Amino acid sequence: MSAKSEQLLQLWLPALAHFEPDHPLREWLARADRLVDGSGGYLDGLGDYFQGIDSDVPAAAITRQFLAGDAADATWLSADPAWVQPDMNGVRLLACGQLQVEMDEAQALAAPLRPVFDEAGMQLEISTPDRWHLKLPANTALPSFAAPEQALGEDLSQHLPQGAEGRRWRVLLNEIQVLLHQHPLNAERRARGLAPVNSLWLWGGGSLPGRLKSPLRGVISDDLLLRALAGRADAAQQTRTPETVAAATPGWLIDLQDLPANEIASHWWPTLQPLLGRQSTMLHFASAERWRHEPWHRWRFWRGTGR
């Protein structure tokens, strides 16, 4: 998206394949103009809105700065609470963050881990119950870590740092998993029908970048990294509510890509439909497809809904 992507209203949506033929959005797509594809996926998709951002984004430093304002002069690594489960083919990452962890639970889970990280020369910070960060000395060299979206549902062995440089991290992660597996709080969580926090997912390493550039005036999202990037680009940011979505104007990005398509139809469409009816809108799907919809496109009755 260039700086002149004109001041369109931007909608970031789930993958197009998730929208059934009878989804109300399909009728609007049929009347819209197809554009060249943007970027697919979450991290690469962020790069369409923030210059210089790609799958190697130093998410840990950016989110820590947004939450605590102290990320300068250090290297940071996200260490988010995760749920992994063994199966016949290995150990799979089933969830990362959003595990319904309260702050007192997070602190209790972190307590036996802190000495391990201290011994390794790292400082564990509980930024929020779902977002934990490791502080390392400035300019610490880090191997490549996979983002959660790249590993969810897959065997961990495919996404852990490999080779000699990754061995230290594999050993560290194994020790962390043993400690969390033994933690009595996880037995209590299972008794309450909650998933255990039996691992941490390490990703998004690096140092805090300078100010970012974006053509966006603001973002409406519940995604921490997206909101933190907006803050780094001096763009406004708001949480996602029917009221903030209804008030969105050209130059704003409405982030819906994390939602099920049926929830967009049932909960958000009554708010989105009037916006599409009065504003020039870019629709960008997580699977990369993009359309431009103009208010006057509603008169294109001759176009079917099967696009």
C-alpha atoms as a PDB file:
ATOM      1  CA  MET A   1       0.000   0.000   0.000  1.00  0.00           C
ATOM      2  CA  SER A   2       1.612   3.214  -1.110  1.00  0.00           C
ATOM      3  CA  ALA A   3       1.423   6.451   0.786  1.00  0.00           C
ATOM      4  CA  LYS A   4      -1.169   7.583  -1.745  1.00  0.00           C
ATOM      5  CA  SER A   5      -3.399   4.557  -1.338  1.00  0.00           C
ATOM      6  CA  GLU A   6      -5.545   7.418  -1.069  1.00  0.00           C
ATOM      7  CA  GLN A   7      -7.348   7.819   2.067  1.00  0.00           C
ATOM      8  CA  LEU A   8      -9.546   4.778   1.710  1.00  0.00           C
ATOM      9  CA  LEU A   9     -11.217   2.996   4.564  1.00  0.00           C
ATOM     10  CA  GLN A  10      -9.297  -0.281   4.973  1.00  0.00           C
ATOM     11  CA  LEU A  11     -10.822  -3.605   6.038  1.00  0.00           C
ATOM     12  CA  TRP A  12      -8.438  -6.448   6.923  1.00  0.00           C
ATOM     13  CA  LEU A  13     -10.402  -9.679   6.757  1.00  0.00           C
ATOM     14  CA  PRO A  14      -9.887 -13.445   7.271  1.00  0.00           C
ATOM     15  CA  ALA A  15      -8.912 -15.664   4.351  1.00  0.00           C
ATOM     16  CA  LEU A  16     -11.451 -15.468   1.533  1.00  0.00           C
ATOM     17  CA  ALA A  17     -12.069 -19.228   1.600  1.00  0.00           C
ATOM     18  CA  HIS A  18     -13.651 -18.837   5.048  1.00  0.00           C
ATOM     19  CA  PHE A  19     -16.531 -16.818   3.596  1.00  0.00           C
ATOM     20  CA  GLU A  20     -19.357 -19.102   2.474  1.00  0.00           C
ATOM     21  CA  PRO A  21     -21.236 -18.293  -0.765  1.00  0.00           C
ATOM     22  CA  ASP A  22     -24.199 -16.951   1.217  1.00  0.00           C
ATOM     23  CA  HIS A  23     -22.097 -14.655   3.417  1.00  0.00           C
ATOM     24  CA  PRO A  24     -23.372 -11.073   3.022  1.00  0.00           C
ATOM     25  CA  LEU A  25     -19.897  -9.850   2.124  1.00  0.00           C
ATOM     26  CA  ARG A  26     -19.930 -11.980  -1.041  1.00  0.00           C
ATOM     27  CA  GLU A  27     -22.642  -9.809  -2.612  1.00  0.00           C
ATOM     28  CA  TRP A  28     -20.532  -6.712  -2.079  1.00  0.00           C
ATOM     29  CA  LEU A  29     -17.436  -8.400  -3.531  1.00  0.00           C
ATOM     30  CA  ALA A  30     -19.373  -9.281  -6.668  1.00  0.00           C
ATOM     31  CA  ARG A  31     -19.948  -5.584  -7.319  1.00  0.00           C
ATOM     32  CA  ALA A  32     -16.453  -4.420  -6.304  1.00  0.00           C
ATOM     33  CA  ASP A  33     -13.325  -4.080  -8.439  1.00  0.00           C
ATOM     34  CA  ARG A  34     -10.641  -6.730  -8.039  1.00  0.00           C
ATOM     35  CA  LEU A  35      -7.167  -5.324  -7.448  1.00  0.00           C
ATOM     36  CA  VAL A  36      -3.726  -6.899  -7.511  1.00  0.00           C
ATOM     37  CA  ASP A  37      -3.115  -9.091  -4.499  1.00  0.00           C
ATOM     38  CA  GLY A  38      -1.560  -7.721  -1.346  1.00  0.00           C
ATOM     39  CA  SER A  39       0.432  -9.790   1.110  1.00  0.00           C
ATOM     40  CA  GLY A  40      -0.956 -12.949   2.644  1.00  0.00           C
ATOM     41  CA  GLY A  41      -0.784 -14.035   6.261  1.00  0.00           C
ATOM     42  CA  TYR A  42      -0.525 -12.023   9.429  1.00  0.00           C
ATOM     43  CA  LEU A  43       3.062 -10.808   9.697  1.00  0.00           C
ATOM     44  CA  ASP A  44       3.555 -10.210   5.986  1.00  0.00           C
ATOM     45  CA  GLY A  45       0.139  -8.568   5.891  1.00  0.00           C
ATOM     46  CA  LEU A  46       1.317  -6.037   8.459  1.00  0.00           C
ATOM     47  CA  GLY A  47       3.965  -5.002   5.960  1.00  0.00           C
ATOM     48  CA  ASP A  48       1.247  -3.706   3.648  1.00  0.00           C
ATOM     49  CA  TYR A  49       0.440  -1.071   6.255  1.00  0.00           C
ATOM     50  CA  PHE A  50       3.826  -0.302   7.831  1.00  0.00           C
ATOM     51  CA  GLN A  51       6.932   0.300   5.748  1.00  0.00           C
ATOM     52  CA  GLY A  52       9.821  -2.062   6.429  1.00  0.00           C
ATOM     53  CA  ILE A  53       7.791  -4.568   8.454  1.00  0.00           C
ATOM     54  CA  ASP A  54       7.907  -8.237   7.448  1.00  0.00           C
ATOM     55  CA  SER A  55       7.969 -11.689   9.038  1.00  0.00           C
ATOM     56  CA  ASP A  56      11.176 -10.754  10.896  1.00  0.00           C
ATOM     57  CA  VAL A  57       9.486  -7.897  12.756  1.00  0.00           C
ATOM     58  CA  PRO A  58      10.999  -7.376  16.249  1.00  0.00           C
ATOM     59  CA  ALA A  59       7.565  -7.856  17.766  1.00  0.00           C
ATOM     60  CA  ALA A  60       8.853  -8.292  21.320  1.00  0.00           C
ATOM     61  CA  ALA A  61      10.583  -4.914  21.516  1.00  0.00           C
ATOM     62  CA  ILE A  62       7.716  -3.107  19.790  1.00  0.00           C
ATOM     63  CA  THR A  63       5.016  -4.572  22.019  1.00  0.00           C
ATOM     64  CA  ARG A  64       7.093  -4.136  25.188  1.00  0.00           C
ATOM     65  CA  GLN A  65       7.635  -0.469  24.351  1.00  0.00           C
ATOM     66  CA  PHE A  66       3.914  -0.026  23.747  1.00  0.00           C
ATOM     67  CA  LEU A  67       3.010  -1.670  27.054  1.00  0.00           C
ATOM     68  CA  ALA A  68       5.787  -0.491  29.359  1.00  0.00           C
ATOM     69  CA  GLY A  69       7.828   2.146  27.525  1.00  0.00           C
ATOM     70  CA  ASP A  70      11.184   0.620  28.525  1.00  0.00           C
ATOM     71  CA  ALA A  71      12.306  -1.368  25.492  1.00  0.00           C
ATOM     72  CA  ALA A  72      15.200   0.842  24.414  1.00  0.00           C
ATOM     73  CA  ASP A  73      18.814  -0.243  24.975  1.00  0.00           C
ATOM     74  CA  ALA A  74      18.112  -3.976  25.160  1.00  0.00           C
ATOM     75  CA  THR A  75      17.304  -6.987  23.013  1.00  0.00           C
ATOM     76  CA  TRP A  76      13.853  -8.470  23.585  1.00  0.00           C
ATOM     77  CA  LEU A  77      12.201 -11.795  22.900  1.00  0.00           C
ATOM     78  CA  SER A  78       8.526 -12.637  23.302  1.00  0.00           C
ATOM     79  CA  ALA A  79       7.940 -15.588  25.641  1.00  0.00           C
ATOM     80  CA  ASP A  80       4.179 -15.952  25.452  1.00  0.00           C
ATOM     81  CA  PRO A  81       2.262 -18.535  27.528  1.00  0.00           C
ATOM     82  CA  ALA A  82       1.406 -21.519  25.370  1.00  0.00           C
ATOM     83  CA  TRP A  83      -0.348 -24.865  25.404  1.00  0.00           C
ATOM     84  CA  VAL A  84       1.390 -27.797  23.750  1.00  0.00           C
ATOM     85  CA  GLN A  85       0.219 -31.391  23.582  1.00  0.00           C
ATOM     86  CA  PRO A  86       2.002 -34.619  22.640  1.00  0.00           C
ATOM     87  CA  ASP A  87       0.516 -36.887  19.993  1.00  0.00           C
ATOM     88  CA  MET A  88       1.722 -39.858  17.952  1.00  0.00           C
ATOM     89  CA  ASN A  89       3.739 -37.611  15.636  1.00  0.00           C
ATOM     90  CA  GLY A  90       5.403 -35.286  18.138  1.00  0.00           C
ATOM     91  CA  VAL A  91       4.362 -32.307  20.244  1.00  0.00           C
ATOM     92  CA  ARG A  92       1.959 -29.761  18.781  1.00  0.00           C
ATOM     93  CA  LEU A  93       1.390 -26.106  19.582  1.00  0.00           C
ATOM     94  CA  LEU A  94      -2.353 -25.805  20.229  1.00  0.00           C
ATOM     95  CA  ALA A  95      -2.581 -22.250  21.560  1.00  0.00           C
ATOM     96  CA  CYS A  96      -0.397 -19.242  22.240  1.00  0.00           C
ATOM     97  CA  GLY A  97      -1.788 -16.456  24.385  1.00  0.00           C
ATOM     98  CA  GLN A  98      -5.534 -16.059  24.949  1.00  0.00           C
ATOM     99  CA  LEU A  99      -5.478 -18.872  27.513  1.00  0.00           C
ATOM    100  CA  GLN A 100      -7.674 -17.046  30.057  1.00  0.00           C
ATOM    101  CA  VAL A 101      -4.792 -16.450  32.422  1.00  0.00           C
ATOM    102  CA  GLU A 102      -5.241 -13.876  35.207  1.00  0.00           C
ATOM    103  CA  MET A 103      -2.313 -11.717  36.331  1.00  0.00           C
ATOM    104  CA  ASP A 104      -1.943 -13.516  39.670  1.00  0.00           C
ATOM    105  CA  GLU A 105      -1.845 -16.844  37.804  1.00  0.00           C
ATOM    106  CA  ALA A 106       0.750 -15.484  35.391  1.00  0.00           C
ATOM    107  CA  GLN A 107       2.973 -14.386  38.251  1.00  0.00           C
ATOM    108  CA  ALA A 108       2.583 -17.763  39.963  1.00  0.00           C
ATOM    109  CA  LEU A 109       3.454 -19.648  36.776  1.00  0.00           C
ATOM    110  CA  ALA A 110       6.440 -17.408  36.172  1.00  0.00           C
ATOM    111  CA  ALA A 111       7.888 -17.736  39.683  1.00  0.00           C
ATOM    112  CA  PRO A 112       9.791 -21.038  39.173  1.00  0.00           C
ATOM    113  CA  LEU A 113      10.933 -19.917  35.719  1.00  0.00           C
ATOM    114  CA  ARG A 114      12.645 -16.711  36.795  1.00  0.00           C
ATOM    115  CA  PRO A 115      15.761 -18.380  38.304  1.00  0.00           C
ATOM    116  CA  VAL A 116      16.242 -20.379  35.103  1.00  0.00           C
ATOM    117  CA  PHE A 117      16.139 -17.266  32.963  1.00  0.00           C
ATOM    118  CA  ASP A 118      18.291 -15.334  35.431  1.00  0.00           C
ATOM    119  CA  GLU A 119      20.957 -18.026  35.209  1.00  0.00           C
ATOM    120  CA  ALA A 120      20.793 -17.765  31.413  1.00  0.00           C
ATOM    121  CA  GLY A 121      21.354 -14.001  31.593  1.00  0.00           C
ATOM    122  CA  MET A 122      17.770 -13.054  30.781  1.00  0.00           C
ATOM    123  CA  GLN A 123      15.115 -11.180  32.714  1.00  0.00           C
ATOM    124  CA  LEU A 124      11.509 -12.383  32.522  1.00  0.00           C
ATOM    125  CA  GLU A 125       8.901  -9.595  32.444  1.00  0.00           C
ATOM    126  CA  ILE A 126       5.162 -10.280  32.699  1.00  0.00           C
ATOM    127  CA  SER A 127       3.880  -7.406  30.575  1.00  0.00           C
ATOM    128  CA  THR A 128       0.302  -8.715  30.532  1.00  0.00           C
ATOM    129  CA  PRO A 129      -1.099 -12.129  31.513  1.00  0.00           C
ATOM    130  CA  ASP A 130      -0.916 -13.201  27.848  1.00  0.00           C
ATOM    131  CA  ARG A 131       2.240 -11.330  26.835  1.00  0.00           C
ATOM    132  CA  TRP A 132       5.528 -12.161  28.514  1.00  0.00           C
ATOM    133  CA  HIS A 133       8.870 -10.735  27.465  1.00  0.00           C
ATOM    134  CA  LEU A 134      12.500 -11.685  27.941  1.00  0.00           C
ATOM    135  CA  LYS A 135      15.012  -8.862  28.320  1.00  0.00           C
ATOM    136  CA  LEU A 136      18.493  -9.685  27.069  1.00  0.00           C
ATOM    137  CA  PRO A 137      21.672  -7.613  26.847  1.00  0.00           C
ATOM    138  CA  ALA A 138      21.723  -5.175  23.940  1.00  0.00           C
ATOM    139  CA  ASN A 139      22.881  -6.621  20.608  1.00  0.00           C
ATOM    140  CA  THR A 140      22.423 -10.233  21.721  1.00  0.00           C
ATOM    141  CA  ALA A 141      22.556 -12.462  18.644  1.00  0.00           C
ATOM    142  CA  LEU A 142      19.413 -14.546  18.275  1.00  0.00           C
ATOM    143  CA  PRO A 143      18.556 -17.454  15.985  1.00  0.00           C
ATOM    144  CA  SER A 144      15.414 -17.367  13.876  1.00  0.00           C
ATOM    145  CA  PHE A 145      12.227 -18.067  15.841  1.00  0.00           C
ATOM    146  CA  ALA A 146       8.905 -18.907  14.205  1.00  0.00           C
ATOM    147  CA  ALA A 147       5.909 -16.700  14.939  1.00  0.00           C
ATOM    148  CA  PRO A 148       2.908 -18.402  16.565  1.00  0.00           C
ATOM    149  CA  GLU A 149       0.852 -18.204  13.373  1.00  0.00           C
ATOM    150  CA  GLN A 150       3.520 -20.215  11.573  1.00  0.00           C
ATOM    151  CA  ALA A 151       3.525 -23.021  14.143  1.00  0.00           C
ATOM    152  CA  LEU A 152      -0.035 -23.382  15.432  1.00  0.00           C
ATOM    153  CA  GLY A 153      -1.245 -26.951  15.030  1.00  0.00           C
ATOM    154  CA  GLU A 154       2.137 -28.205  13.880  1.00  0.00           C
ATOM    155  CA  ASP A 155       4.908 -30.293  15.399  1.00  0.00           C
ATOM    156  CA  LEU A 156       7.200 -28.122  17.508  1.00  0.00           C
ATOM    157  CA  SER A 157      10.326 -29.813  16.178  1.00  0.00           C
ATOM    158  CA  GLN A 158       9.662 -28.213  12.791  1.00  0.00           C
ATOM    159  CA  HIS A 159       9.735 -24.703  14.236  1.00  0.00           C
ATOM    160  CA  LEU A 160      12.353 -24.671  16.983  1.00  0.00           C
ATOM    161  CA  PRO A 161      15.761 -23.057  16.342  1.00  0.00           C
ATOM    162  CA  GLN A 162      17.978 -25.602  14.665  1.00  0.00           C
ATOM    163  CA  GLY A 163      21.673 -26.402  14.674  1.00  0.00           C
ATOM    164  CA  ALA A 164      24.348 -25.529  17.194  1.00  0.00           C
ATOM    165  CA  GLU A 165      23.115 -21.964  17.677  1.00  0.00           C
ATOM    166  CA  GLY A 166      19.635 -23.257  18.462  1.00  0.00           C
ATOM    167  CA  ARG A 167      20.711 -25.926  20.942  1.00  0.00           C
ATOM    168  CA  ARG A 168      20.870 -23.506  23.879  1.00  0.00           C
ATOM    169  CA  TRP A 169      17.280 -22.455  23.227  1.00  0.00           C
ATOM    170  CA  ARG A 170      15.989 -25.993  22.776  1.00  0.00           C
ATOM    171  CA  VAL A 171      17.521 -27.013  26.107  1.00  0.00           C
ATOM    172  CA  LEU A 172      16.114 -23.908  27.798  1.00  0.00           C
ATOM    173  CA  LEU A 173      12.653 -24.513  26.399  1.00  0.00           C
ATOM    174  CA  ASN A 174      12.709 -28.138  27.525  1.00  0.00           C
ATOM    175  CA  GLU A 175      13.578 -27.061  31.089  1.00  0.00           C
ATOM    176  CA  ILE A 176      10.762 -24.502  31.047  1.00  0.00           C
ATOM    177  CA  GLN A 177       8.260 -27.121  29.864  1.00  0.00           C
ATOM    178  CA  VAL A 178       9.259 -29.512  32.650  1.00  0.00           C
ATOM    179  CA  LEU A 179       8.766 -26.807  35.288  1.00  0.00           C
ATOM    180  CA  LEU A 180       5.396 -25.753  33.901  1.00  0.00           C
ATOM    181  CA  HIS A 181       4.210 -29.343  33.554  1.00  0.00           C
ATOM    182  CA  GLN A 182       4.906 -29.848  37.257  1.00  0.00           C
ATOM    183  CA  HIS A 183       3.263 -26.591  38.334  1.00  0.00           C
ATOM    184  CA  PRO A 184       0.245 -27.250  40.611  1.00  0.00           C
ATOM    185  CA  LEU A 185      -1.669 -24.367  39.035  1.00  0.00           C
ATOM    186  CA  ASN A 186      -2.003 -26.349  35.819  1.00  0.00           C
ATOM    187  CA  ALA A 187      -3.794 -29.164  37.639  1.00  0.00           C
ATOM    188  CA  GLU A 188      -6.183 -26.541  39.014  1.00  0.00           C
ATOM    189  CA  ARG A 189      -6.721 -25.120  35.536  1.00  0.00           C
ATOM    190  CA  ARG A 190      -7.559 -28.541  34.124  1.00  0.00           C
ATOM    191  CA  ALA A 191     -10.058 -29.073  36.942  1.00  0.00           C
ATOM    192  CA  ARG A 192     -11.726 -25.815  35.880  1.00  0.00           C
ATOM    193  CA  GLY A 193     -11.874 -26.961  32.265  1.00  0.00           C
ATOM    194  CA  LEU A 194      -9.080 -24.624  31.135  1.00  0.00           C
ATOM    195  CA  ALA A 195      -6.093 -25.491  28.997  1.00  0.00           C
ATOM    196  CA  PRO A 196      -2.784 -25.793  30.856  1.00  0.00           C
ATOM    197  CA  VAL A 197       0.005 -23.294  30.392  1.00  0.00           C
ATOM    198  CA  ASN A 198       2.713 -25.879  29.831  1.00  0.00           C
ATOM    199  CA  SER A 199       5.141 -24.061  27.552  1.00  0.00           C
ATOM    200  CA  LEU A 200       6.293 -20.649  26.390  1.00  0.00           C
ATOM    201  CA  TRP A 201       6.521 -19.669  22.757  1.00  0.00           C
ATOM    202  CA  LEU A 202       9.677 -17.715  21.944  1.00  0.00           C
ATOM    203  CA  TRP A 203       9.444 -15.406  18.937  1.00  0.00           C
ATOM    204  CA  GLY A 204       9.734 -11.852  17.638  1.00  0.00           C
ATOM    205  CA  GLY A 205      13.263 -11.224  18.851  1.00  0.00           C
ATOM    206  CA  GLY A 206      15.253  -8.068  18.241  1.00  0.00           C
ATOM    207  CA  SER A 207      15.785  -4.493  19.325  1.00  0.00           C
ATOM    208  CA  LEU A 208      13.440  -1.546  19.153  1.00  0.00           C
ATOM    209  CA  PRO A 209      13.396   0.039  15.672  1.00  0.00           C
ATOM    210  CA  GLY A 210      13.140   3.754  15.046  1.00  0.00           C
ATOM    211  CA  ARG A 211       9.888   5.463  14.245  1.00  0.00           C
ATOM    212  CA  LEU A 212       7.891   3.685  11.553  1.00  0.00           C
ATOM    213  CA  LYS A 213       6.111   5.097   8.521  1.00  0.00           C
ATOM    214  CA  SER A 214       2.540   4.299   7.569  1.00  0.00           C
ATOM    215  CA  PRO A 215      -0.090   5.937   5.373  1.00  0.00           C
ATOM    216  CA  LEU A 216      -2.704   5.013   7.971  1.00  0.00           C
ATOM    217  CA  ARG A 217      -4.302   7.666  10.126  1.00  0.00           C
ATOM    218  CA  GLY A 218      -5.274   5.063  12.689  1.00  0.00           C
ATOM    219  CA  VAL A 219      -6.164   1.440  13.405  1.00  0.00           C
ATOM    220  CA  ILE A 220      -9.109  -0.240  15.103  1.00  0.00           C
ATOM    221  CA  SER A 221      -7.964  -3.595  16.434  1.00  0.00           C
ATOM    222  CA  ASP A 222      -7.723  -5.917  19.406  1.00  0.00           C
ATOM    223  CA  ASP A 223      -4.325  -7.134  18.187  1.00  0.00           C
ATOM    224  CA  LEU A 224      -1.507  -5.932  20.420  1.00  0.00           C
ATOM    225  CA  LEU A 225       1.218  -5.914  17.778  1.00  0.00           C
ATOM    226  CA  LEU A 226      -0.900  -4.021  15.253  1.00  0.00           C
ATOM    227  CA  ARG A 227      -1.791  -1.385  17.828  1.00  0.00           C
ATOM    228  CA  ALA A 228       1.839  -1.154  18.940  1.00  0.00           C
ATOM    229  CA  LEU A 229       2.972  -0.665  15.337  1.00  0.00           C
ATOM    230  CA  ALA A 230       0.418   2.115  14.957  1.00  0.00           C
ATOM    231  CA  GLY A 231       1.809   3.793  18.038  1.00  0.00           C
ATOM    232  CA  ARG A 232       5.327   3.466  16.646  1.00  0.00           C
ATOM    233  CA  ALA A 233       4.129   5.151  13.429  1.00  0.00           C
ATOM    234  CA  ASP A 234       2.406   7.988  15.306  1.00  0.00           C
ATOM    235  CA  ALA A 235      -0.981   6.756  14.111  1.00  0.00           C
ATOM    236  CA  ALA A 236      -4.020   6.681  16.347  1.00  0.00           C
ATOM    237  CA  GLN A 237      -5.204   3.324  17.691  1.00  0.00           C
ATOM    238  CA  GLN A 238      -8.447   2.167  19.249  1.00  0.00           C
ATOM    239  CA  THR A 239      -9.843  -1.107  20.498  1.00  0.00           C
ATOM    240  CA  ARG A 240     -12.466  -2.827  18.341  1.00  0.00           C
ATOM    241  CA  THR A 241     -16.040  -2.090  19.339  1.00  0.00           C
ATOM    242  CA  PRO A 242     -19.209  -1.519  17.293  1.00  0.00           C
ATOM    243  CA  GLU A 243     -18.922   2.161  18.197  1.00  0.00           C
ATOM    244  CA  THR A 244     -15.316   2.612  17.029  1.00  0.00           C
ATOM    245  CA  VAL A 245     -15.982   0.646  13.840  1.00  0.00           C
ATOM    246  CA  ALA A 246     -19.093   2.694  13.056  1.00  0.00           C
ATOM    247  CA  ALA A 247     -17.085   5.901  13.466  1.00  0.00           C
ATOM    248  CA  ALA A 248     -14.194   4.820  11.194  1.00  0.00           C
ATOM    249  CA  THR A 249     -13.259   7.261   8.449  1.00  0.00           C
ATOM    250  CA  PRO A 250     -10.976   7.145   5.371  1.00  0.00           C
ATOM    251  CA  GLY A 251      -7.379   6.432   6.299  1.00  0.00           C
ATOM    252  CA  TRP A 252      -8.310   4.062   9.122  1.00  0.00           C
ATOM    253  CA  LEU A 253      -7.740   0.303   9.171  1.00  0.00           C
ATOM    254  CA  ILE A 254     -10.434  -1.909  10.697  1.00  0.00           C
ATOM    255  CA  ASP A 255      -8.777  -5.181  11.684  1.00  0.00           C
ATOM    256  CA  LEU A 256     -11.139  -8.171  11.524  1.00  0.00           C
ATOM    257  CA  GLN A 257      -8.703 -10.796  10.223  1.00  0.00           C
ATOM    258  CA  ASP A 258      -8.631 -12.708  13.518  1.00  0.00           C
ATOM    259  CA  LEU A 259     -12.415 -13.287  13.594  1.00  0.00           C
ATOM    260  CA  PRO A 260     -14.453 -16.215  12.225  1.00  0.00           C
ATOM    261  CA  ALA A 261     -16.329 -15.236   9.078  1.00  0.00           C
ATOM    262  CA  ASN A 262     -19.657 -16.228  10.641  1.00  0.00           C
ATOM    263  CA  GLU A 263     -19.018 -13.832  13.541  1.00  0.00           C
ATOM    264  CA  ILE A 264     -18.394 -11.038  11.045  1.00  0.00           C
ATOM    265  CA  ALA A 265     -21.767 -11.838   9.455  1.00  0.00           C
ATOM    266  CA  SER A 266     -23.733 -12.053  12.692  1.00  0.00           C
ATOM    267  CA  HIS A 267     -22.065  -9.445  14.879  1.00  0.00           C
ATOM    268  CA  TRP A 268     -20.206  -6.959  12.687  1.00  0.00           C
ATOM    269  CA  TRP A 269     -22.062  -6.823   9.380  1.00  0.00           C
ATOM    270  CA  PRO A 270     -24.841  -4.498  10.628  1.00  0.00           C
ATOM    271  CA  THR A 271     -22.102  -1.977  11.427  1.00  0.00           C
ATOM    272  CA  LEU A 272     -19.958  -2.609   8.340  1.00  0.00           C
ATOM    273  CA  GLN A 273     -22.726  -2.420   5.749  1.00  0.00           C
ATOM    274  CA  PRO A 274     -23.459   1.302   6.261  1.00  0.00           C
ATOM    275  CA  LEU A 275     -19.718   2.053   6.071  1.00  0.00           C
ATOM    276  CA  LEU A 276     -19.401   0.274   2.731  1.00  0.00           C
ATOM    277  CA  GLY A 277     -22.477   2.117   1.543  1.00  0.00           C
ATOM    278  CA  ARG A 278     -20.979   5.561   2.056  1.00  0.00           C
ATOM    279  CA  GLN A 279     -17.162   5.253   1.907  1.00  0.00           C
ATOM    280  CA  SER A 280     -14.576   4.119  -0.618  1.00  0.00           C
ATOM    281  CA  THR A 281     -13.227   0.936   0.930  1.00  0.00           C
ATOM    282  CA  MET A 282     -10.308  -1.430   0.392  1.00  0.00           C
ATOM    283  CA  LEU A 283     -11.041  -5.030   1.380  1.00  0.00           C
ATOM    284  CA  HIS A 284      -7.866  -6.995   2.043  1.00  0.00           C
ATOM    285  CA  PHE A 285      -8.174 -10.698   2.857  1.00  0.00           C
ATOM    286  CA  ALA A 286      -5.610 -12.636   4.883  1.00  0.00           C
ATOM    287  CA  SER A 287      -5.230 -14.889   1.851  1.00  0.00           C
ATOM    288  CA  ALA A 288      -3.898 -11.821  -0.059  1.00  0.00           C
ATOM    289  CA  GLU A 289      -6.875 -10.998  -2.340  1.00  0.00           C
ATOM    290  CA  ARG A 290      -7.891  -7.339  -2.463  1.00  0.00           C
ATOM    291  CA  TRP A 291     -10.968  -5.529  -3.750  1.00  0.00           C
ATOM    292  CA  ARG A 292     -11.969  -1.876  -3.920  1.00  0.00           C
ATOM    293  CA  HIS A 293     -15.597  -1.039  -3.250  1.00  0.00           C
ATOM    294  CA  GLU A 294     -17.178   2.326  -4.010  1.00  0.00           C
ATOM    295  CA  PRO A 295     -20.560   3.466  -2.689  1.00  0.00           C
ATOM    296  CA  TRP A 296     -21.947   3.681  -6.241  1.00  0.00           C
ATOM    297  CA  HIS A 297     -21.092   0.008  -6.827  1.00  0.00           C
ATOM    298  CA  ARG A 298     -24.395  -0.891  -5.195  1.00  0.00           C
ATOM    299  CA  TRP A 299     -26.012  -0.084  -8.560  1.00  0.00           C
ATOM    300  CA  ARG A 300     -24.101  -2.884 -10.288  1.00  0.00           C
ATOM    301  CA  PHE A 301     -27.110  -5.188 -10.096  1.00  0.00           C
ATOM    302  CA  TRP A 302     -26.038  -7.160 -13.161  1.00  0.00           C
ATOM    303  CA  ARG A 303     -23.126  -8.698 -11.302  1.00  0.00           C
ATOM    304  CA  GLY A 304     -23.831 -11.998  -9.580  1.00  0.00           C
ATOM    305  CA  THR A 305     -22.690 -13.038  -6.130  1.00  0.00           C
ATOM    306  CA  GLY A 306     -20.523 -15.979  -7.149  1.00  0.00           C
ATOM    307  CA  ARG A 307     -17.178 -14.238  -7.490  1.00  0.00           C
END
